[in-house]
Amino acid sequence: METLQTYFSGPMLVPSVLLGLVCLYWLFVILGAFDIELFDFDIDVGAGDGSIFDVGLVSLKFINLGDVPLMIWGSVFSFAFWILTALVVERPDVGGNLHPWMIVLGCGFLAVLVTKVITNPLRGKFSVKEPNTLEELLGRECTITVDTNEKHGQANVPSDGAPLLLNVRTHEGTLTKGTTVRIVDFDQETHLYYVSNSDLEE
């Protein structure tokens, strides 16, 4: 009972409550009540304009938030925060003369640094790459599956899985079934790909 009171009072209160919430979250994930990506978010720094907001985003990226799922990052941080605070509290010669909030803030800062180091190898490991993006498709070779002209047409694009069937058009002329062509353009409004075999005939 005395140990429990120690870990839920003074400087230990904040890290203990935080660690308890994280454990509760993972319990709900195991039971299927929560999705593991419930609190995930993306951080897009971009070019920015040098504002305080941009500086804040860069800081979050520096500590791997946005590159590592939030709850995985938070779990590592919570555990590191709890351990560091407990070590200070258990050493009166270290934290005996410090205000509780100084211990909390100091250990929290150190826990952020520890979390960054631990999560560095996980950066990008959880990102989902969207397959067959426009950038990847432009320039790819494909095969006409039905006679294609400016008004109608389809083509198969080879992929790792099943071939990708695209609605395609030509800028001019007709391409017959079985012709190998290259994707040269995309219309954002109609979502149609334009193909040509002019460079493949040379």
N, C-alpha and C. Protein backbone atom coordinates (compact mmCIF):
# COMPACT_ATOMS: atom_id res chain seq x y z
N MET A 1 0.83 -1.20 0.00
CA MET A 1 0.00 0.00 0.00
C MET A 1 0.86 1.25 0.00
N GLU A 2 1.95 1.18 0.81
CA GLU A 2 2.85 2.34 0.88
C GLU A 2 3.55 2.55 -0.46
N THR A 3 3.91 1.43 -1.12
CA THR A 3 4.55 1.53 -2.43
C THR A 3 3.61 2.13 -3.45
N LEU A 4 2.35 1.70 -3.44
CA LEU A 4 1.34 2.23 -4.35
C LEU A 4 1.15 3.72 -4.13
N GLN A 5 1.14 4.15 -2.85
CA GLN A 5 0.98 5.56 -2.54
C GLN A 5 2.17 6.36 -3.04
N THR A 6 3.36 5.76 -2.96
CA THR A 6 4.56 6.45 -3.43
C THR A 6 4.50 6.69 -4.93
N TYR A 7 4.02 5.69 -5.67
CA TYR A 7 4.01 5.80 -7.12
C TYR A 7 2.83 6.62 -7.66
N PHE A 8 1.89 6.98 -6.80
CA PHE A 8 0.77 7.81 -7.24
C PHE A 8 0.66 9.09 -6.41
N SER A 9 1.81 9.62 -6.04
CA SER A 9 1.85 10.89 -5.32
C SER A 9 3.14 11.61 -5.68
N GLY A 10 3.18 12.89 -5.42
CA GLY A 10 4.38 13.68 -5.68
C GLY A 10 4.77 13.65 -7.14
N PRO A 11 6.07 13.62 -7.43
CA PRO A 11 6.54 13.64 -8.82
C PRO A 11 6.12 12.41 -9.63
N MET A 12 5.82 11.30 -8.93
CA MET A 12 5.47 10.07 -9.63
C MET A 12 4.05 10.05 -10.15
N LEU A 13 3.21 10.99 -9.70
CA LEU A 13 1.80 10.98 -10.08
C LEU A 13 1.62 11.10 -11.59
N VAL A 14 2.26 12.08 -12.20
CA VAL A 14 2.09 12.33 -13.64
C VAL A 14 2.56 11.14 -14.47
N PRO A 15 3.80 10.66 -14.32
CA PRO A 15 4.23 9.51 -15.14
C PRO A 15 3.43 8.25 -14.87
N SER A 16 2.99 8.04 -13.62
CA SER A 16 2.21 6.84 -13.31
C SER A 16 0.85 6.86 -13.98
N VAL A 17 0.19 8.02 -13.94
CA VAL A 17 -1.12 8.16 -14.60
C VAL A 17 -0.96 8.00 -16.10
N LEU A 18 0.08 8.60 -16.67
CA LEU A 18 0.32 8.50 -18.12
C LEU A 18 0.60 7.06 -18.52
N LEU A 19 1.43 6.36 -17.77
CA LEU A 19 1.73 4.96 -18.07
C LEU A 19 0.49 4.10 -17.91
N GLY A 20 -0.34 4.41 -16.91
CA GLY A 20 -1.58 3.67 -16.72
C GLY A 20 -2.54 3.83 -17.89
N LEU A 21 -2.63 5.07 -18.43
CA LEU A 21 -3.50 5.32 -19.59
C LEU A 21 -3.01 4.58 -20.82
N VAL A 22 -1.69 4.55 -20.99
CA VAL A 22 -1.12 3.83 -22.14
C VAL A 22 -1.40 2.33 -22.02
N CYS A 23 -1.23 1.78 -20.83
CA CYS A 23 -1.52 0.35 -20.61
C CYS A 23 -3.00 0.06 -20.87
N LEU A 24 -3.87 0.98 -20.44
CA LEU A 24 -5.30 0.82 -20.67
C LEU A 24 -5.62 0.84 -22.15
N TYR A 25 -4.94 1.73 -22.89
CA TYR A 25 -5.14 1.82 -24.34
C TYR A 25 -4.78 0.49 -25.01
N TRP A 26 -3.60 -0.07 -24.66
CA TRP A 26 -3.18 -1.32 -25.29
C TRP A 26 -4.08 -2.49 -24.89
N LEU A 27 -4.65 -2.42 -23.69
CA LEU A 27 -5.61 -3.45 -23.29
C LEU A 27 -6.83 -3.41 -24.19
N PHE A 28 -7.33 -2.19 -24.47
CA PHE A 28 -8.48 -2.05 -25.37
C PHE A 28 -8.13 -2.47 -26.79
N VAL A 29 -6.90 -2.22 -27.23
CA VAL A 29 -6.47 -2.65 -28.56
C VAL A 29 -6.48 -4.18 -28.64
N ILE A 30 -5.96 -4.83 -27.61
CA ILE A 30 -5.93 -6.30 -27.57
C ILE A 30 -7.35 -6.86 -27.60
N LEU A 31 -8.26 -6.18 -26.90
CA LEU A 31 -9.65 -6.65 -26.84
C LEU A 31 -10.42 -6.28 -28.11
N GLY A 32 -9.81 -5.47 -28.98
CA GLY A 32 -10.46 -5.10 -30.23
C GLY A 32 -11.34 -3.88 -30.15
N ALA A 33 -11.35 -3.20 -29.01
CA ALA A 33 -12.21 -2.02 -28.86
C ALA A 33 -11.62 -0.79 -29.53
N PHE A 34 -10.29 -0.71 -29.60
CA PHE A 34 -9.59 0.41 -30.22
C PHE A 34 -8.78 -0.09 -31.41
N ASP A 35 -8.63 0.79 -32.40
CA ASP A 35 -7.73 0.50 -33.51
C ASP A 35 -6.35 1.02 -33.16
N ILE A 36 -5.32 0.29 -33.59
CA ILE A 36 -3.96 0.67 -33.24
C ILE A 36 -3.58 2.03 -33.84
N GLU A 37 -4.29 2.46 -34.90
CA GLU A 37 -3.99 3.74 -35.54
C GLU A 37 -4.97 4.83 -35.13
N LEU A 38 -5.64 4.65 -33.99
CA LEU A 38 -6.68 5.56 -33.56
C LEU A 38 -6.19 7.00 -33.46
N PHE A 39 -5.01 7.20 -32.89
CA PHE A 39 -4.52 8.56 -32.65
C PHE A 39 -3.39 8.95 -33.60
N ASP A 40 -3.21 8.22 -34.68
CA ASP A 40 -2.12 8.54 -35.60
C ASP A 40 -2.41 9.82 -36.38
N PHE A 41 -1.34 10.51 -36.76
CA PHE A 41 -1.46 11.71 -37.57
C PHE A 41 -0.19 11.87 -38.38
N ASP A 42 -0.31 12.65 -39.48
CA ASP A 42 0.84 12.91 -40.33
C ASP A 42 1.30 14.34 -40.12
N ILE A 43 2.61 14.52 -40.19
CA ILE A 43 3.19 15.86 -40.07
C ILE A 43 3.86 16.19 -41.38
N ASP A 44 3.34 17.20 -42.09
CA ASP A 44 3.90 17.63 -43.37
C ASP A 44 4.52 19.00 -43.18
N VAL A 45 5.85 19.02 -43.06
CA VAL A 45 6.52 20.30 -42.81
C VAL A 45 6.52 21.15 -44.06
N GLY A 46 6.85 20.53 -45.21
CA GLY A 46 6.88 21.26 -46.46
C GLY A 46 7.90 22.38 -46.46
N ALA A 47 7.69 23.35 -47.33
CA ALA A 47 8.62 24.47 -47.42
C ALA A 47 8.47 25.40 -46.24
N GLY A 48 7.20 25.61 -45.82
CA GLY A 48 6.94 26.46 -44.67
C GLY A 48 7.24 27.92 -44.94
N ASP A 49 6.90 28.76 -43.97
CA ASP A 49 7.17 30.20 -44.11
C ASP A 49 7.99 30.72 -42.94
N GLY A 50 8.58 29.80 -42.17
CA GLY A 50 9.43 30.23 -41.06
C GLY A 50 8.66 30.66 -39.83
N SER A 51 7.37 30.36 -39.77
CA SER A 51 6.57 30.77 -38.62
C SER A 51 6.85 29.88 -37.42
N ILE A 52 6.34 30.30 -36.26
CA ILE A 52 6.50 29.51 -35.04
C ILE A 52 5.85 28.14 -35.21
N PHE A 53 4.74 28.10 -35.95
CA PHE A 53 4.04 26.84 -36.18
C PHE A 53 4.94 25.87 -36.94
N ASP A 54 5.66 26.38 -37.96
CA ASP A 54 6.57 25.52 -38.73
C ASP A 54 7.71 25.01 -37.87
N VAL A 55 8.23 25.89 -37.00
CA VAL A 55 9.30 25.48 -36.10
C VAL A 55 8.82 24.36 -35.18
N GLY A 56 7.56 24.47 -34.72
CA GLY A 56 6.99 23.43 -33.86
C GLY A 56 6.87 22.11 -34.58
N LEU A 57 6.47 22.14 -35.87
CA LEU A 57 6.36 20.91 -36.64
C LEU A 57 7.72 20.26 -36.85
N VAL A 58 8.73 21.08 -37.11
CA VAL A 58 10.08 20.56 -37.28
C VAL A 58 10.55 19.88 -35.99
N SER A 59 10.20 20.48 -34.85
CA SER A 59 10.58 19.90 -33.56
C SER A 59 9.92 18.55 -33.35
N LEU A 60 8.65 18.44 -33.75
CA LEU A 60 7.95 17.16 -33.62
C LEU A 60 8.57 16.10 -34.52
N LYS A 61 8.95 16.50 -35.74
CA LYS A 61 9.61 15.57 -36.64
C LYS A 61 10.96 15.13 -36.08
N PHE A 62 11.64 16.05 -35.40
CA PHE A 62 12.97 15.74 -34.86
C PHE A 62 12.89 14.63 -33.82
N ILE A 63 11.83 14.62 -33.03
CA ILE A 63 11.70 13.60 -32.00
C ILE A 63 10.92 12.37 -32.51
N ASN A 64 10.72 12.33 -33.83
CA ASN A 64 10.12 11.18 -34.53
C ASN A 64 8.60 11.10 -34.44
N LEU A 65 7.95 12.12 -33.92
CA LEU A 65 6.48 12.13 -33.95
C LEU A 65 6.02 12.37 -35.38
N GLY A 66 5.14 11.52 -35.86
CA GLY A 66 4.71 11.60 -37.25
C GLY A 66 5.39 10.54 -38.10
N ASP A 67 6.63 10.18 -37.74
CA ASP A 67 7.34 9.11 -38.44
C ASP A 67 7.12 7.77 -37.76
N VAL A 68 6.76 7.81 -36.49
CA VAL A 68 6.46 6.62 -35.70
C VAL A 68 5.03 6.76 -35.19
N PRO A 69 4.21 5.71 -35.24
CA PRO A 69 2.84 5.82 -34.73
C PRO A 69 2.80 6.43 -33.33
N LEU A 70 1.86 7.34 -33.12
CA LEU A 70 1.79 8.11 -31.88
C LEU A 70 1.77 7.24 -30.64
N MET A 71 0.99 6.17 -30.64
CA MET A 71 0.86 5.37 -29.43
C MET A 71 2.08 4.50 -29.17
N ILE A 72 2.81 4.15 -30.21
CA ILE A 72 4.07 3.44 -29.99
C ILE A 72 5.09 4.41 -29.41
N TRP A 73 5.16 5.61 -29.98
CA TRP A 73 6.03 6.65 -29.44
C TRP A 73 5.64 6.97 -28.00
N GLY A 74 4.34 7.13 -27.76
CA GLY A 74 3.86 7.46 -26.43
C GLY A 74 4.11 6.37 -25.42
N SER A 75 4.06 5.12 -25.86
CA SER A 75 4.34 4.00 -24.95
C SER A 75 5.79 4.00 -24.51
N VAL A 76 6.70 4.22 -25.47
CA VAL A 76 8.13 4.28 -25.13
C VAL A 76 8.39 5.46 -24.21
N PHE A 77 7.78 6.61 -24.55
CA PHE A 77 7.98 7.80 -23.73
C PHE A 77 7.46 7.59 -22.31
N SER A 78 6.26 7.03 -22.19
CA SER A 78 5.65 6.84 -20.87
C SER A 78 6.50 5.94 -19.98
N PHE A 79 7.00 4.86 -20.57
CA PHE A 79 7.83 3.93 -19.81
C PHE A 79 9.15 4.59 -19.40
N ALA A 80 9.78 5.31 -20.35
CA ALA A 80 11.04 6.00 -20.04
C ALA A 80 10.82 7.09 -18.99
N PHE A 81 9.72 7.82 -19.11
CA PHE A 81 9.36 8.88 -18.16
C PHE A 81 9.18 8.30 -16.76
N TRP A 82 8.48 7.19 -16.69
CA TRP A 82 8.20 6.55 -15.39
C TRP A 82 9.50 6.04 -14.75
N ILE A 83 10.32 5.37 -15.54
CA ILE A 83 11.58 4.82 -15.02
C ILE A 83 12.50 5.93 -14.53
N LEU A 84 12.67 6.98 -15.33
CA LEU A 84 13.57 8.07 -14.95
C LEU A 84 13.09 8.77 -13.69
N THR A 85 11.79 9.04 -13.61
CA THR A 85 11.25 9.70 -12.43
C THR A 85 11.39 8.82 -11.19
N ALA A 86 11.14 7.52 -11.35
CA ALA A 86 11.27 6.60 -10.22
C ALA A 86 12.72 6.55 -9.74
N LEU A 87 13.68 6.57 -10.65
CA LEU A 87 15.09 6.55 -10.26
C LEU A 87 15.46 7.79 -9.47
N VAL A 88 14.94 8.94 -9.87
CA VAL A 88 15.23 10.18 -9.15
C VAL A 88 14.56 10.19 -7.77
N VAL A 89 13.30 9.74 -7.73
CA VAL A 89 12.56 9.72 -6.46
C VAL A 89 13.22 8.76 -5.47
N GLU A 90 13.73 7.65 -5.98
CA GLU A 90 14.36 6.65 -5.11
C GLU A 90 15.74 7.08 -4.60
N ARG A 91 16.24 8.18 -5.16
CA ARG A 91 17.55 8.69 -4.74
C ARG A 91 17.37 10.06 -4.10
N PRO A 92 17.14 10.13 -2.81
CA PRO A 92 16.95 11.41 -2.13
C PRO A 92 18.13 12.36 -2.32
N ASP A 93 19.34 11.80 -2.48
CA ASP A 93 20.51 12.65 -2.68
C ASP A 93 20.49 13.34 -4.04
N VAL A 94 19.67 12.80 -4.97
CA VAL A 94 19.57 13.41 -6.30
C VAL A 94 18.39 14.37 -6.39
N GLY A 95 17.21 13.89 -5.99
CA GLY A 95 16.02 14.73 -6.14
C GLY A 95 15.43 15.24 -4.86
N GLY A 96 16.10 15.00 -3.74
CA GLY A 96 15.54 15.41 -2.46
C GLY A 96 15.35 16.90 -2.30
N ASN A 97 16.22 17.69 -2.93
CA ASN A 97 16.16 19.15 -2.78
C ASN A 97 15.46 19.83 -3.95
N LEU A 98 14.92 19.05 -4.87
CA LEU A 98 14.26 19.62 -6.03
C LEU A 98 12.76 19.69 -5.84
N HIS A 99 12.14 20.74 -6.40
CA HIS A 99 10.68 20.85 -6.37
C HIS A 99 10.09 19.72 -7.23
N PRO A 100 8.97 19.13 -6.81
CA PRO A 100 8.38 18.03 -7.57
C PRO A 100 8.20 18.33 -9.05
N TRP A 101 7.77 19.56 -9.36
CA TRP A 101 7.55 19.88 -10.77
C TRP A 101 8.85 20.00 -11.55
N MET A 102 9.93 20.35 -10.86
CA MET A 102 11.24 20.38 -11.53
C MET A 102 11.66 18.95 -11.89
N ILE A 103 11.35 18.01 -11.00
CA ILE A 103 11.66 16.61 -11.29
C ILE A 103 10.83 16.11 -12.46
N VAL A 104 9.54 16.45 -12.45
CA VAL A 104 8.64 16.02 -13.52
C VAL A 104 9.10 16.57 -14.87
N LEU A 105 9.37 17.88 -14.92
CA LEU A 105 9.77 18.51 -16.18
C LEU A 105 11.13 18.01 -16.66
N GLY A 106 12.05 17.88 -15.72
CA GLY A 106 13.39 17.40 -16.08
C GLY A 106 13.37 15.98 -16.60
N CYS A 107 12.67 15.11 -15.89
CA CYS A 107 12.58 13.72 -16.33
C CYS A 107 11.78 13.59 -17.63
N GLY A 108 10.77 14.45 -17.79
CA GLY A 108 9.99 14.44 -19.04
C GLY A 108 10.86 14.82 -20.23
N PHE A 109 11.72 15.83 -20.04
CA PHE A 109 12.62 16.24 -21.11
C PHE A 109 13.61 15.13 -21.46
N LEU A 110 14.19 14.52 -20.44
CA LEU A 110 15.11 13.42 -20.67
C LEU A 110 14.41 12.23 -21.34
N ALA A 111 13.16 11.99 -20.95
CA ALA A 111 12.39 10.88 -21.53
C ALA A 111 12.14 11.11 -23.03
N VAL A 112 11.95 12.37 -23.41
CA VAL A 112 11.78 12.70 -24.83
C VAL A 112 13.04 12.33 -25.61
N LEU A 113 14.20 12.68 -25.06
CA LEU A 113 15.46 12.36 -25.72
C LEU A 113 15.69 10.85 -25.81
N VAL A 114 15.38 10.16 -24.71
CA VAL A 114 15.52 8.70 -24.70
C VAL A 114 14.58 8.07 -25.74
N THR A 115 13.36 8.59 -25.80
CA THR A 115 12.38 8.08 -26.75
C THR A 115 12.83 8.30 -28.19
N LYS A 116 13.40 9.46 -28.46
CA LYS A 116 13.92 9.72 -29.81
C LYS A 116 14.97 8.69 -30.20
N VAL A 117 15.90 8.42 -29.29
CA VAL A 117 16.97 7.46 -29.58
C VAL A 117 16.40 6.07 -29.83
N ILE A 118 15.46 5.66 -28.97
CA ILE A 118 14.90 4.30 -29.08
C ILE A 118 14.05 4.14 -30.35
N THR A 119 13.32 5.21 -30.73
CA THR A 119 12.42 5.10 -31.89
C THR A 119 13.09 5.43 -33.22
N ASN A 120 14.33 5.90 -33.20
CA ASN A 120 15.02 6.21 -34.45
C ASN A 120 15.02 5.04 -35.44
N PRO A 121 15.30 3.81 -34.99
CA PRO A 121 15.28 2.68 -35.95
C PRO A 121 13.89 2.38 -36.51
N LEU A 122 12.83 2.92 -35.88
CA LEU A 122 11.47 2.63 -36.32
C LEU A 122 10.94 3.64 -37.33
N ARG A 123 11.71 4.69 -37.60
CA ARG A 123 11.25 5.73 -38.51
C ARG A 123 10.97 5.16 -39.90
N GLY A 124 9.75 5.42 -40.38
CA GLY A 124 9.36 4.97 -41.71
C GLY A 124 8.96 3.52 -41.81
N LYS A 125 9.14 2.75 -40.73
CA LYS A 125 8.81 1.32 -40.78
C LYS A 125 7.31 1.08 -40.82
N PHE A 126 6.53 2.07 -40.36
CA PHE A 126 5.08 1.88 -40.28
C PHE A 126 4.33 2.65 -41.36
N SER A 127 5.06 3.36 -42.23
CA SER A 127 4.40 4.14 -43.27
C SER A 127 3.87 3.20 -44.34
N VAL A 128 2.68 3.49 -44.82
CA VAL A 128 2.05 2.68 -45.86
C VAL A 128 2.24 3.38 -47.20
N LYS A 129 2.92 2.71 -48.10
CA LYS A 129 3.17 3.29 -49.41
C LYS A 129 1.99 3.00 -50.34
N GLU A 130 1.41 4.06 -50.88
CA GLU A 130 0.27 3.89 -51.78
C GLU A 130 0.77 3.32 -53.10
N PRO A 131 0.18 2.20 -53.52
CA PRO A 131 0.65 1.58 -54.75
C PRO A 131 0.12 2.31 -55.98
N ASN A 132 0.86 2.21 -57.07
CA ASN A 132 0.42 2.72 -58.37
C ASN A 132 0.00 4.19 -58.31
N THR A 133 0.87 5.02 -57.78
CA THR A 133 0.59 6.45 -57.76
C THR A 133 0.74 7.02 -59.16
N LEU A 134 0.23 8.23 -59.36
CA LEU A 134 0.31 8.87 -60.68
C LEU A 134 1.77 9.02 -61.11
N GLU A 135 2.62 9.40 -60.17
CA GLU A 135 4.03 9.59 -60.50
C GLU A 135 4.67 8.29 -60.97
N GLU A 136 4.25 7.17 -60.39
CA GLU A 136 4.80 5.88 -60.78
C GLU A 136 4.27 5.40 -62.13
N LEU A 137 3.02 5.74 -62.42
CA LEU A 137 2.39 5.26 -63.65
C LEU A 137 2.84 6.03 -64.88
N LEU A 138 3.07 7.33 -64.74
CA LEU A 138 3.50 8.12 -65.89
C LEU A 138 4.86 7.61 -66.39
N GLY A 139 4.90 7.32 -67.68
CA GLY A 139 6.13 6.79 -68.26
C GLY A 139 6.17 5.27 -68.32
N ARG A 140 5.24 4.60 -67.65
CA ARG A 140 5.22 3.14 -67.65
C ARG A 140 4.69 2.61 -68.98
N GLU A 141 5.18 1.45 -69.36
CA GLU A 141 4.67 0.79 -70.56
C GLU A 141 3.46 -0.07 -70.19
N CYS A 142 2.52 -0.16 -71.11
CA CYS A 142 1.33 -0.99 -70.89
C CYS A 142 0.87 -1.55 -72.23
N THR A 143 -0.12 -2.43 -72.18
CA THR A 143 -0.60 -3.10 -73.39
C THR A 143 -2.06 -2.78 -73.62
N ILE A 144 -2.36 -2.33 -74.82
CA ILE A 144 -3.74 -2.01 -75.19
C ILE A 144 -4.58 -3.29 -75.20
N THR A 145 -5.72 -3.28 -74.52
CA THR A 145 -6.58 -4.48 -74.47
C THR A 145 -7.79 -4.38 -75.39
N VAL A 146 -8.17 -3.16 -75.75
CA VAL A 146 -9.21 -2.95 -76.77
C VAL A 146 -8.76 -1.80 -77.66
N ASP A 147 -9.22 -1.78 -78.89
CA ASP A 147 -8.84 -0.69 -79.78
C ASP A 147 -9.12 0.65 -79.10
N THR A 148 -8.12 1.50 -79.09
CA THR A 148 -8.18 2.74 -78.31
C THR A 148 -8.00 3.95 -79.19
N ASN A 149 -8.86 4.96 -78.97
CA ASN A 149 -8.73 6.23 -79.68
C ASN A 149 -9.02 7.39 -78.73
N GLU A 150 -9.43 8.54 -79.27
CA GLU A 150 -9.68 9.71 -78.42
C GLU A 150 -10.93 9.59 -77.56
N LYS A 151 -11.80 8.61 -77.86
CA LYS A 151 -13.08 8.52 -77.16
C LYS A 151 -13.21 7.32 -76.22
N HIS A 152 -12.49 6.28 -76.47
CA HIS A 152 -12.59 5.11 -75.60
C HIS A 152 -11.32 4.29 -75.69
N GLY A 153 -11.14 3.41 -74.67
CA GLY A 153 -9.97 2.54 -74.70
C GLY A 153 -9.58 2.05 -73.31
N GLN A 154 -8.86 0.95 -73.26
CA GLN A 154 -8.35 0.40 -72.01
C GLN A 154 -6.98 -0.21 -72.26
N ALA A 155 -6.22 -0.29 -71.16
CA ALA A 155 -4.88 -0.88 -71.25
C ALA A 155 -4.52 -1.57 -69.95
N ASN A 156 -3.70 -2.61 -70.04
CA ASN A 156 -3.20 -3.35 -68.88
C ASN A 156 -1.79 -2.88 -68.54
N VAL A 157 -1.59 -2.57 -67.25
CA VAL A 157 -0.26 -2.20 -66.78
C VAL A 157 0.27 -3.33 -65.92
N PRO A 158 1.42 -3.92 -66.25
CA PRO A 158 1.98 -5.00 -65.42
C PRO A 158 2.27 -4.50 -64.01
N SER A 159 2.01 -5.33 -63.02
CA SER A 159 2.29 -4.97 -61.63
C SER A 159 2.71 -6.22 -60.87
N ASP A 160 3.09 -6.04 -59.61
CA ASP A 160 3.53 -7.18 -58.80
C ASP A 160 2.41 -8.18 -58.59
N GLY A 161 1.16 -7.66 -58.52
CA GLY A 161 0.02 -8.54 -58.37
C GLY A 161 -0.68 -8.74 -59.70
N ALA A 162 -2.00 -8.61 -59.68
CA ALA A 162 -2.76 -8.72 -60.92
C ALA A 162 -2.50 -7.47 -61.76
N PRO A 163 -2.53 -7.60 -63.11
CA PRO A 163 -2.34 -6.43 -63.97
C PRO A 163 -3.36 -5.34 -63.66
N LEU A 164 -2.93 -4.10 -63.76
CA LEU A 164 -3.79 -2.96 -63.47
C LEU A 164 -4.48 -2.52 -64.75
N LEU A 165 -5.81 -2.52 -64.74
CA LEU A 165 -6.59 -2.13 -65.92
C LEU A 165 -6.94 -0.65 -65.83
N LEU A 166 -6.51 0.11 -66.82
CA LEU A 166 -6.74 1.56 -66.83
C LEU A 166 -7.62 1.96 -68.00
N ASN A 167 -8.44 2.99 -67.78
CA ASN A 167 -9.16 3.61 -68.87
C ASN A 167 -8.21 4.61 -69.54
N VAL A 168 -7.95 4.39 -70.81
CA VAL A 168 -6.97 5.22 -71.51
C VAL A 168 -7.57 5.83 -72.77
N ARG A 169 -6.89 6.86 -73.26
CA ARG A 169 -7.26 7.53 -74.50
C ARG A 169 -5.98 7.90 -75.25
N THR A 170 -6.14 8.20 -76.53
CA THR A 170 -5.03 8.74 -77.31
C THR A 170 -5.29 10.21 -77.58
N HIS A 171 -4.25 10.97 -77.81
CA HIS A 171 -4.44 12.37 -78.20
C HIS A 171 -4.89 12.46 -79.65
N GLU A 172 -4.46 11.48 -80.45
CA GLU A 172 -4.90 11.41 -81.84
C GLU A 172 -4.62 10.00 -82.37
N GLY A 173 -5.44 9.59 -83.32
CA GLY A 173 -5.23 8.29 -83.94
C GLY A 173 -5.80 7.14 -83.12
N THR A 174 -5.64 5.94 -83.68
CA THR A 174 -6.16 4.73 -83.05
C THR A 174 -5.03 3.74 -82.81
N LEU A 175 -5.06 3.12 -81.64
CA LEU A 175 -4.10 2.08 -81.29
C LEU A 175 -4.84 0.76 -81.20
N THR A 176 -4.35 -0.27 -81.86
CA THR A 176 -5.05 -1.54 -81.90
C THR A 176 -4.71 -2.41 -80.70
N LYS A 177 -5.57 -3.37 -80.44
CA LYS A 177 -5.39 -4.30 -79.33
C LYS A 177 -4.05 -5.03 -79.44
N GLY A 178 -3.35 -5.11 -78.32
CA GLY A 178 -2.06 -5.79 -78.28
C GLY A 178 -0.87 -4.86 -78.48
N THR A 179 -1.12 -3.60 -78.81
CA THR A 179 -0.03 -2.64 -79.01
C THR A 179 0.60 -2.26 -77.68
N THR A 180 1.92 -2.23 -77.65
CA THR A 180 2.62 -1.76 -76.45
C THR A 180 2.77 -0.25 -76.53
N VAL A 181 2.33 0.42 -75.48
CA VAL A 181 2.33 1.89 -75.46
C VAL A 181 2.94 2.37 -74.15
N ARG A 182 3.09 3.69 -74.09
CA ARG A 182 3.60 4.31 -72.87
C ARG A 182 2.58 5.34 -72.36
N ILE A 183 2.41 5.38 -71.04
CA ILE A 183 1.50 6.37 -70.44
C ILE A 183 2.22 7.71 -70.44
N VAL A 184 1.62 8.69 -71.10
CA VAL A 184 2.30 9.98 -71.28
C VAL A 184 1.61 11.14 -70.57
N ASP A 185 0.36 10.95 -70.18
CA ASP A 185 -0.35 12.09 -69.58
C ASP A 185 -1.53 11.58 -68.75
N PHE A 186 -2.08 12.49 -67.93
CA PHE A 186 -3.24 12.15 -67.10
C PHE A 186 -4.13 13.37 -66.98
N ASP A 187 -5.42 13.19 -67.17
CA ASP A 187 -6.40 14.27 -67.05
C ASP A 187 -7.04 14.22 -65.67
N GLN A 188 -6.77 15.24 -64.85
CA GLN A 188 -7.29 15.26 -63.48
C GLN A 188 -8.81 15.33 -63.43
N GLU A 189 -9.43 15.96 -64.41
CA GLU A 189 -10.89 16.13 -64.40
C GLU A 189 -11.62 14.85 -64.78
N THR A 190 -11.14 14.19 -65.81
CA THR A 190 -11.82 12.97 -66.29
C THR A 190 -11.22 11.70 -65.70
N HIS A 191 -10.04 11.83 -65.05
CA HIS A 191 -9.33 10.69 -64.48
C HIS A 191 -9.00 9.66 -65.57
N LEU A 192 -8.60 10.16 -66.72
CA LEU A 192 -8.22 9.30 -67.83
C LEU A 192 -6.72 9.43 -68.10
N TYR A 193 -6.12 8.31 -68.45
CA TYR A 193 -4.70 8.30 -68.81
C TYR A 193 -4.58 8.37 -70.33
N TYR A 194 -3.57 9.10 -70.79
CA TYR A 194 -3.32 9.20 -72.23
C TYR A 194 -2.07 8.42 -72.56
N VAL A 195 -2.16 7.66 -73.66
CA VAL A 195 -1.05 6.78 -74.04
C VAL A 195 -0.58 7.10 -75.45
N SER A 196 0.65 6.70 -75.70
CA SER A 196 1.22 6.89 -77.04
C SER A 196 2.29 5.83 -77.25
N ASN A 197 2.47 5.47 -78.54
CA ASN A 197 3.54 4.51 -78.87
C ASN A 197 4.56 5.14 -79.81
N SER A 198 4.52 6.47 -79.94
CA SER A 198 5.39 7.14 -80.90
C SER A 198 6.87 6.94 -80.55
N ASP A 199 7.23 7.04 -79.27
CA ASP A 199 8.63 6.88 -78.88
C ASP A 199 9.08 5.42 -78.93
N LEU A 200 8.10 4.48 -78.85
CA LEU A 200 8.45 3.06 -78.87
C LEU A 200 8.67 2.55 -80.28
N GLU A 201 8.16 3.30 -81.29
CA GLU A 201 8.31 2.90 -82.68
C GLU A 201 9.65 3.32 -83.26
N GLU A 202 10.32 4.27 -82.58
CA GLU A 202 11.56 4.79 -83.12
C GLU A 202 12.67 3.76 -83.00
